ModelCIF file with pLDDT and N, C-alpha, C, O atoms, coordinates in Angstrom:
data_MODEL
#
_entry.id   MODEL 
#
_entity.id                         1 
_entity.type                       polymer 
_entity.pdbx_number_of_molecules   1 
#
_entity_poly.entity_id                      1 
_entity_poly.type                           'polypeptide(L)' 
_entity_poly.nstd_linkage                   no 
_entity_poly.nstd_monomer                   no 
_entity_poly.pdbx_seq_one_letter_code       LPQFDWSSILSLFELIQKYRPFSFPAVSPLWA 
_entity_poly.pdbx_seq_one_letter_code_can   LPQFDWSSILSLFELIQKYRPFSFPAVSPLWA 
_entity_poly.pdbx_strand_id                 A 
#
loop_
_entity_poly_seq.entity_id 
_entity_poly_seq.num 
_entity_poly_seq.mon_id 
_entity_poly_seq.hetero 
1 1  LEU n 
1 2  PRO n 
1 3  GLN n 
1 4  PHE n 
1 5  ASP n 
1 6  TRP n 
1 7  SER n 
1 8  SER n 
1 9  ILE n 
1 10 LEU n 
1 11 SER n 
1 12 LEU n 
1 13 PHE n 
1 14 GLU n 
1 15 LEU n 
1 16 ILE n 
1 17 GLN n 
1 18 LYS n 
1 19 TYR n 
1 20 ARG n 
1 21 PRO n 
1 22 PHE n 
1 23 SER n 
1 24 PHE n 
1 25 PRO n 
1 26 ALA n 
1 27 VAL n 
1 28 SER n 
1 29 PRO n 
1 30 LEU n 
1 31 TRP n 
1 32 ALA n 
#
_struct_asym.id          A 
_struct_asym.entity_id   1 
#
loop_
_ma_qa_metric.id 
_ma_qa_metric.mode 
_ma_qa_metric.name 
_ma_qa_metric.software_group_id 
_ma_qa_metric.type 
1 global pLDDT . pLDDT 
2 local  pLDDT . pLDDT 
#
_ma_qa_metric_global.metric_id      1 
_ma_qa_metric_global.metric_value   82.81 
_ma_qa_metric_global.model_id       1 
_ma_qa_metric_global.ordinal_id     1 
#
loop_
_ma_qa_metric_local.label_asym_id 
_ma_qa_metric_local.label_comp_id 
_ma_qa_metric_local.label_seq_id 
_ma_qa_metric_local.metric_id 
_ma_qa_metric_local.metric_value 
_ma_qa_metric_local.model_id 
_ma_qa_metric_local.ordinal_id 
A LEU 1  2 69.00 1 1  
A PRO 2  2 60.00 1 2  
A GLN 3  2 62.00 1 3  
A PHE 4  2 62.00 1 4  
A ASP 5  2 63.00 1 5  
A TRP 6  2 61.00 1 6  
A SER 7  2 65.00 1 7  
A SER 8  2 73.00 1 8  
A ILE 9  2 87.00 1 9  
A LEU 10 2 88.00 1 10 
A SER 11 2 87.00 1 11 
A LEU 12 2 90.00 1 12 
A PHE 13 2 93.00 1 13 
A GLU 14 2 91.00 1 14 
A LEU 15 2 90.00 1 15 
A ILE 16 2 92.00 1 16 
A GLN 17 2 93.00 1 17 
A LYS 18 2 91.00 1 18 
A TYR 19 2 90.00 1 19 
A ARG 20 2 92.00 1 20 
A PRO 21 2 91.00 1 21 
A PHE 22 2 90.00 1 22 
A SER 23 2 90.00 1 23 
A PHE 24 2 92.00 1 24 
A PRO 25 2 90.00 1 25 
A ALA 26 2 89.00 1 26 
A VAL 27 2 84.00 1 27 
A SER 28 2 83.00 1 28 
A PRO 29 2 79.00 1 29 
A LEU 30 2 86.00 1 30 
A TRP 31 2 91.00 1 31 
A ALA 32 2 86.00 1 32 
#
loop_
_atom_site.group_PDB 
_atom_site.id 
_atom_site.type_symbol 
_atom_site.label_atom_id 
_atom_site.label_alt_id 
_atom_site.label_comp_id 
_atom_site.label_asym_id 
_atom_site.label_entity_id 
_atom_site.label_seq_id 
_atom_site.pdbx_PDB_ins_code 
_atom_site.Cartn_x 
_atom_site.Cartn_y 
_atom_site.Cartn_z 
_atom_site.occupancy 
_atom_site.B_iso_or_equiv 
_atom_site.pdbx_formal_charge 
_atom_site.auth_seq_id 
_atom_site.auth_comp_id 
_atom_site.auth_asym_id 
_atom_site.auth_atom_id 
_atom_site.pdbx_PDB_model_num 
ATOM 1   N N  . LEU A 1 1  ? 10.588 -6.353  23.494 1.00 69.00 ? 1  LEU A N  1 
ATOM 2   C CA . LEU A 1 1  ? 10.308 -4.976  23.114 1.00 69.00 ? 1  LEU A CA 1 
ATOM 3   C C  . LEU A 1 1  ? 8.796  -4.849  22.963 1.00 69.00 ? 1  LEU A C  1 
ATOM 4   O O  . LEU A 1 1  ? 8.269  -5.014  21.863 1.00 69.00 ? 1  LEU A O  1 
ATOM 5   N N  . PRO A 1 2  ? 8.096  -4.557  24.054 1.00 60.00 ? 2  PRO A N  1 
ATOM 6   C CA . PRO A 1 2  ? 6.631  -4.523  23.996 1.00 60.00 ? 2  PRO A CA 1 
ATOM 7   C C  . PRO A 1 2  ? 6.072  -3.458  23.076 1.00 60.00 ? 2  PRO A C  1 
ATOM 8   O O  . PRO A 1 2  ? 4.958  -3.586  22.567 1.00 60.00 ? 2  PRO A O  1 
ATOM 9   N N  . GLN A 1 3  ? 6.846  -2.407  22.865 1.00 62.00 ? 3  GLN A N  1 
ATOM 10  C CA . GLN A 1 3  ? 6.399  -1.341  21.975 1.00 62.00 ? 3  GLN A CA 1 
ATOM 11  C C  . GLN A 1 3  ? 7.607  -0.815  21.228 1.00 62.00 ? 3  GLN A C  1 
ATOM 12  O O  . GLN A 1 3  ? 8.626  -0.474  21.827 1.00 62.00 ? 3  GLN A O  1 
ATOM 13  N N  . PHE A 1 4  ? 7.480  -0.753  19.910 1.00 62.00 ? 4  PHE A N  1 
ATOM 14  C CA . PHE A 1 4  ? 8.617  -0.312  19.105 1.00 62.00 ? 4  PHE A CA 1 
ATOM 15  C C  . PHE A 1 4  ? 8.259  0.955   18.351 1.00 62.00 ? 4  PHE A C  1 
ATOM 16  O O  . PHE A 1 4  ? 7.234  1.015   17.671 1.00 62.00 ? 4  PHE A O  1 
ATOM 17  N N  . ASP A 1 5  ? 9.090  1.948   18.472 1.00 63.00 ? 5  ASP A N  1 
ATOM 18  C CA . ASP A 1 5  ? 8.901  3.211   17.792 1.00 63.00 ? 5  ASP A CA 1 
ATOM 19  C C  . ASP A 1 5  ? 9.812  3.232   16.561 1.00 63.00 ? 5  ASP A C  1 
ATOM 20  O O  . ASP A 1 5  ? 11.036 3.223   16.685 1.00 63.00 ? 5  ASP A O  1 
ATOM 21  N N  . TRP A 1 6  ? 9.196  3.261   15.366 1.00 61.00 ? 6  TRP A N  1 
ATOM 22  C CA . TRP A 1 6  ? 9.985  3.184   14.138 1.00 61.00 ? 6  TRP A CA 1 
ATOM 23  C C  . TRP A 1 6  ? 10.944 4.363   13.992 1.00 61.00 ? 6  TRP A C  1 
ATOM 24  O O  . TRP A 1 6  ? 11.948 4.269   13.286 1.00 61.00 ? 6  TRP A O  1 
ATOM 25  N N  . SER A 1 7  ? 10.633 5.468   14.658 1.00 65.00 ? 7  SER A N  1 
ATOM 26  C CA . SER A 1 7  ? 11.512 6.637   14.537 1.00 65.00 ? 7  SER A CA 1 
ATOM 27  C C  . SER A 1 7  ? 12.776 6.491   15.377 1.00 65.00 ? 7  SER A C  1 
ATOM 28  O O  . SER A 1 7  ? 13.724 7.259   15.210 1.00 65.00 ? 7  SER A O  1 
ATOM 29  N N  . SER A 1 8  ? 12.798 5.513   16.275 1.00 73.00 ? 8  SER A N  1 
ATOM 30  C CA . SER A 1 8  ? 13.980 5.333   17.138 1.00 73.00 ? 8  SER A CA 1 
ATOM 31  C C  . SER A 1 8  ? 14.652 3.997   16.866 1.00 73.00 ? 8  SER A C  1 
ATOM 32  O O  . SER A 1 8  ? 15.015 3.274   17.794 1.00 73.00 ? 8  SER A O  1 
ATOM 33  N N  . ILE A 1 9  ? 14.811 3.678   15.604 1.00 87.00 ? 9  ILE A N  1 
ATOM 34  C CA . ILE A 1 9  ? 15.385 2.380   15.252 1.00 87.00 ? 9  ILE A CA 1 
ATOM 35  C C  . ILE A 1 9  ? 16.850 2.276   15.675 1.00 87.00 ? 9  ILE A C  1 
ATOM 36  O O  . ILE A 1 9  ? 17.379 1.177   15.843 1.00 87.00 ? 9  ILE A O  1 
ATOM 37  N N  . LEU A 1 10 ? 17.498 3.427   15.843 1.00 88.00 ? 10 LEU A N  1 
ATOM 38  C CA . LEU A 1 10 ? 18.894 3.401   16.293 1.00 88.00 ? 10 LEU A CA 1 
ATOM 39  C C  . LEU A 1 10 ? 19.023 2.753   17.670 1.00 88.00 ? 10 LEU A C  1 
ATOM 40  O O  . LEU A 1 10 ? 20.037 2.125   17.975 1.00 88.00 ? 10 LEU A O  1 
ATOM 41  N N  . SER A 1 11 ? 17.992 2.908   18.495 1.00 87.00 ? 11 SER A N  1 
ATOM 42  C CA . SER A 1 11 ? 18.036 2.275   19.813 1.00 87.00 ? 11 SER A CA 1 
ATOM 43  C C  . SER A 1 11 ? 18.053 0.755   19.692 1.00 87.00 ? 11 SER A C  1 
ATOM 44  O O  . SER A 1 11 ? 18.660 0.075   20.519 1.00 87.00 ? 11 SER A O  1 
ATOM 45  N N  . LEU A 1 12 ? 17.397 0.222   18.676 1.00 90.00 ? 12 LEU A N  1 
ATOM 46  C CA . LEU A 1 12 ? 17.419 -1.230  18.454 1.00 90.00 ? 12 LEU A CA 1 
ATOM 47  C C  . LEU A 1 12 ? 18.808 -1.671  17.994 1.00 90.00 ? 12 LEU A C  1 
ATOM 48  O O  . LEU A 1 12 ? 19.300 -2.716  18.419 1.00 90.00 ? 12 LEU A O  1 
ATOM 49  N N  . PHE A 1 13 ? 19.435 -0.880  17.133 1.00 93.00 ? 13 PHE A N  1 
ATOM 50  C CA . PHE A 1 13 ? 20.811 -1.177  16.735 1.00 93.00 ? 13 PHE A CA 1 
ATOM 51  C C  . PHE A 1 13 ? 21.727 -1.226  17.962 1.00 93.00 ? 13 PHE A C  1 
ATOM 52  O O  . PHE A 1 13 ? 22.599 -2.088  18.070 1.00 93.00 ? 13 PHE A O  1 
ATOM 53  N N  . GLU A 1 14 ? 21.512 -0.296  18.865 1.00 91.00 ? 14 GLU A N  1 
ATOM 54  C CA . GLU A 1 14 ? 22.348 -0.235  20.066 1.00 91.00 ? 14 GLU A CA 1 
ATOM 55  C C  . GLU A 1 14 ? 22.129 -1.441  20.967 1.00 91.00 ? 14 GLU A C  1 
ATOM 56  O O  . GLU A 1 14 ? 23.074 -1.939  21.578 1.00 91.00 ? 14 GLU A O  1 
ATOM 57  N N  . LEU A 1 15 ? 20.878 -1.917  21.054 1.00 90.00 ? 15 LEU A N  1 
ATOM 58  C CA . LEU A 1 15 ? 20.603 -3.131  21.838 1.00 90.00 ? 15 LEU A CA 1 
ATOM 59  C C  . LEU A 1 15 ? 21.298 -4.342  21.224 1.00 90.00 ? 15 LEU A C  1 
ATOM 60  O O  . LEU A 1 15 ? 21.852 -5.175  21.941 1.00 90.00 ? 15 LEU A O  1 
ATOM 61  N N  . ILE A 1 16 ? 21.267 -4.438  19.891 1.00 92.00 ? 16 ILE A N  1 
ATOM 62  C CA . ILE A 1 16 ? 21.945 -5.542  19.212 1.00 92.00 ? 16 ILE A CA 1 
ATOM 63  C C  . ILE A 1 16 ? 23.446 -5.472  19.468 1.00 92.00 ? 16 ILE A C  1 
ATOM 64  O O  . ILE A 1 16 ? 24.093 -6.490  19.713 1.00 92.00 ? 16 ILE A O  1 
ATOM 65  N N  . GLN A 1 17 ? 23.988 -4.265  19.408 1.00 93.00 ? 17 GLN A N  1 
ATOM 66  C CA . GLN A 1 17 ? 25.414 -4.094  19.660 1.00 93.00 ? 17 GLN A CA 1 
ATOM 67  C C  . GLN A 1 17 ? 25.784 -4.453  21.095 1.00 93.00 ? 17 GLN A C  1 
ATOM 68  O O  . GLN A 1 17 ? 26.849 -5.021  21.336 1.00 93.00 ? 17 GLN A O  1 
ATOM 69  N N  . LYS A 1 18 ? 24.922 -4.130  22.038 1.00 91.00 ? 18 LYS A N  1 
ATOM 70  C CA . LYS A 1 18 ? 25.209 -4.371  23.451 1.00 91.00 ? 18 LYS A CA 1 
ATOM 71  C C  . LYS A 1 18 ? 25.070 -5.843  23.825 1.00 91.00 ? 18 LYS A C  1 
ATOM 72  O O  . LYS A 1 18 ? 25.938 -6.397  24.500 1.00 91.00 ? 18 LYS A O  1 
ATOM 73  N N  . TYR A 1 19 ? 23.970 -6.485  23.384 1.00 90.00 ? 19 TYR A N  1 
ATOM 74  C CA . TYR A 1 19 ? 23.677 -7.840  23.851 1.00 90.00 ? 19 TYR A CA 1 
ATOM 75  C C  . TYR A 1 19 ? 24.095 -8.942  22.883 1.00 90.00 ? 19 TYR A C  1 
ATOM 76  O O  . TYR A 1 19 ? 24.176 -10.103 23.284 1.00 90.00 ? 19 TYR A O  1 
ATOM 77  N N  . ARG A 1 20 ? 24.364 -8.611  21.618 1.00 92.00 ? 20 ARG A N  1 
ATOM 78  C CA . ARG A 1 20 ? 24.771 -9.603  20.623 1.00 92.00 ? 20 ARG A CA 1 
ATOM 79  C C  . ARG A 1 20 ? 23.892 -10.853 20.711 1.00 92.00 ? 20 ARG A C  1 
ATOM 80  O O  . ARG A 1 20 ? 24.374 -11.919 21.093 1.00 92.00 ? 20 ARG A O  1 
ATOM 81  N N  . PRO A 1 21 ? 22.618 -10.731 20.365 1.00 91.00 ? 21 PRO A N  1 
ATOM 82  C CA . PRO A 1 21 ? 21.650 -11.804 20.594 1.00 91.00 ? 21 PRO A CA 1 
ATOM 83  C C  . PRO A 1 21 ? 21.967 -13.090 19.851 1.00 91.00 ? 21 PRO A C  1 
ATOM 84  O O  . PRO A 1 21 ? 22.412 -13.083 18.704 1.00 91.00 ? 21 PRO A O  1 
ATOM 85  N N  . PHE A 1 22 ? 21.721 -14.201 20.549 1.00 90.00 ? 22 PHE A N  1 
ATOM 86  C CA . PHE A 1 22 ? 21.874 -15.519 19.918 1.00 90.00 ? 22 PHE A CA 1 
ATOM 87  C C  . PHE A 1 22 ? 20.769 -15.719 18.888 1.00 90.00 ? 22 PHE A C  1 
ATOM 88  O O  . PHE A 1 22 ? 21.016 -16.243 17.802 1.00 90.00 ? 22 PHE A O  1 
ATOM 89  N N  . SER A 1 23 ? 19.560 -15.304 19.224 1.00 90.00 ? 23 SER A N  1 
ATOM 90  C CA . SER A 1 23 ? 18.422 -15.455 18.316 1.00 90.00 ? 23 SER A CA 1 
ATOM 91  C C  . SER A 1 23 ? 17.690 -14.131 18.200 1.00 90.00 ? 23 SER A C  1 
ATOM 92  O O  . SER A 1 23 ? 17.443 -13.452 19.196 1.00 90.00 ? 23 SER A O  1 
ATOM 93  N N  . PHE A 1 24 ? 17.347 -13.773 16.966 1.00 92.00 ? 24 PHE A N  1 
ATOM 94  C CA . PHE A 1 24 ? 16.622 -12.530 16.726 1.00 92.00 ? 24 PHE A CA 1 
ATOM 95  C C  . PHE A 1 24 ? 15.507 -12.810 15.722 1.00 92.00 ? 24 PHE A C  1 
ATOM 96  O O  . PHE A 1 24 ? 15.720 -12.698 14.515 1.00 92.00 ? 24 PHE A O  1 
ATOM 97  N N  . PRO A 1 25 ? 14.312 -13.175 16.214 1.00 90.00 ? 25 PRO A N  1 
ATOM 98  C CA . PRO A 1 25 ? 13.166 -13.362 15.309 1.00 90.00 ? 25 PRO A CA 1 
ATOM 99  C C  . PRO A 1 25 ? 12.428 -12.040 15.128 1.00 90.00 ? 25 PRO A C  1 
ATOM 100 O O  . PRO A 1 25 ? 12.183 -11.331 16.103 1.00 90.00 ? 25 PRO A O  1 
ATOM 101 N N  . ALA A 1 26 ? 12.075 -11.706 13.895 1.00 89.00 ? 26 ALA A N  1 
ATOM 102 C CA . ALA A 1 26 ? 11.397 -10.434 13.634 1.00 89.00 ? 26 ALA A CA 1 
ATOM 103 C C  . ALA A 1 26 ? 10.511 -10.565 12.402 1.00 89.00 ? 26 ALA A C  1 
ATOM 104 O O  . ALA A 1 26 ? 10.714 -11.445 11.565 1.00 89.00 ? 26 ALA A O  1 
ATOM 105 N N  . VAL A 1 27 ? 9.531  -9.681  12.305 1.00 84.00 ? 27 VAL A N  1 
ATOM 106 C CA . VAL A 1 27 ? 8.657  -9.663  11.135 1.00 84.00 ? 27 VAL A CA 1 
ATOM 107 C C  . VAL A 1 27 ? 9.342  -8.921  9.999  1.00 84.00 ? 27 VAL A C  1 
ATOM 108 O O  . VAL A 1 27 ? 10.300 -8.179  10.217 1.00 84.00 ? 27 VAL A O  1 
ATOM 109 N N  . SER A 1 28 ? 8.847  -9.125  8.791  1.00 83.00 ? 28 SER A N  1 
ATOM 110 C CA . SER A 1 28 ? 9.491  -8.572  7.598  1.00 83.00 ? 28 SER A CA 1 
ATOM 111 C C  . SER A 1 28 ? 9.667  -7.050  7.636  1.00 83.00 ? 28 SER A C  1 
ATOM 112 O O  . SER A 1 28 ? 10.744 -6.567  7.287  1.00 83.00 ? 28 SER A O  1 
ATOM 113 N N  . PRO A 1 29 ? 8.647  -6.271  8.047  1.00 79.00 ? 29 PRO A N  1 
ATOM 114 C CA . PRO A 1 29 ? 8.844  -4.809  8.061  1.00 79.00 ? 29 PRO A CA 1 
ATOM 115 C C  . PRO A 1 29 ? 9.995  -4.351  8.959  1.00 79.00 ? 29 PRO A C  1 
ATOM 116 O O  . PRO A 1 29 ? 10.672 -3.367  8.661  1.00 79.00 ? 29 PRO A O  1 
ATOM 117 N N  . LEU A 1 30 ? 10.211 -5.078  10.065 1.00 86.00 ? 30 LEU A N  1 
ATOM 118 C CA . LEU A 1 30 ? 11.309 -4.698  10.957 1.00 86.00 ? 30 LEU A CA 1 
ATOM 119 C C  . LEU A 1 30 ? 12.652 -4.992  10.306 1.00 86.00 ? 30 LEU A C  1 
ATOM 120 O O  . LEU A 1 30 ? 13.575 -4.182  10.394 1.00 86.00 ? 30 LEU A O  1 
ATOM 121 N N  . TRP A 1 31 ? 12.770 -6.154  9.649  1.00 91.00 ? 31 TRP A N  1 
ATOM 122 C CA . TRP A 1 31 ? 14.015 -6.460  8.934  1.00 91.00 ? 31 TRP A CA 1 
ATOM 123 C C  . TRP A 1 31 ? 14.263 -5.442  7.826  1.00 91.00 ? 31 TRP A C  1 
ATOM 124 O O  . TRP A 1 31 ? 15.396 -5.021  7.596  1.00 91.00 ? 31 TRP A O  1 
ATOM 125 N N  . ALA A 1 32 ? 13.191 -5.053  7.145  1.00 86.00 ? 32 ALA A N  1 
ATOM 126 C CA . ALA A 1 32 ? 13.324 -4.071  6.069  1.00 86.00 ? 32 ALA A CA 1 
ATOM 127 C C  . ALA A 1 32 ? 13.870 -2.752  6.614  1.00 86.00 ? 32 ALA A C  1 
ATOM 128 O O  . ALA A 1 32 ? 14.052 -1.799  5.857  1.00 86.00 ? 32 ALA A O  1 
#
């Protein structure tokens, strides 16, 4: 995800739902 728009976080939820990632590393603000 080269660029992430905080206002469209639902799209990230949808990617997780679609691909069910084996590994998901993220910084603290994104997890929050």
